[in-house]
């Protein structure tokens, strides 16, 4: 019998201060006459494999997010809105806690995590993440670096220029067997936890292999005001 359950966690817990928007967090700004977060949720809703799609937002924006989803997607969706944590790690843990509290977690349970402000991920990328997590236990989405990467610890002087042919730019989704992710996270010390910028690093720090799914240059993260213009152009082409 197949005991596999598959969850998505759309991480929207940040306030998006780099966007310099005083009105609302960046995930709620509109692109193509629709909030960015709705574009993102819709991409995941197209994939039938998910048992539940979790959307984790700042606590003060939970009701607002639920209203948006009802407005654009109706009330019959698999989407569950939850309050996120103080940072990305805590928000991820909120998703895992919800899954463990409400479902039976086993070695086949899969979690696909994604930035709420990457509204142009594709069904192909999502499905390949699920398959890679199923096969390898952990995976991340990445594309080859097109620019030369410069290393500098002080932000003033160049210290090294790595071989670009070995460099990739990390995207999301990032996907895992839940038990593997939890067990590896428990091995991290507090200093290691402070260095985490994404979920894949949890495993990389402990030498656990992480498979790479090929991403897409259009799978952009909307971070700065200039990104909104690029996202608007992409939205017009959909």
Foldseek 3Di string as FASTA:
>chain_A
DDPEAEEEEAEAADQQVQQVDPPGRQQQDDALNARLLVLQVVQVQVDPRHQAYEYEYAPVCQVVVVVSCCVPPNDPGRYDYHHADPDDVRRVVVVLVVCVVPHPADQNYKYWYAYSQQSPWHNVQVVVQSVCCNVQFWAFEKAQDPDFDFDDDVVPDTDDTDDSRPDIDTHDGIMGRSVVLVVLQVPDDPVQVVPDPDSVVSQVVVVRDYHYDYTDPSSDGPRYNVVSVVSNVVSVVD
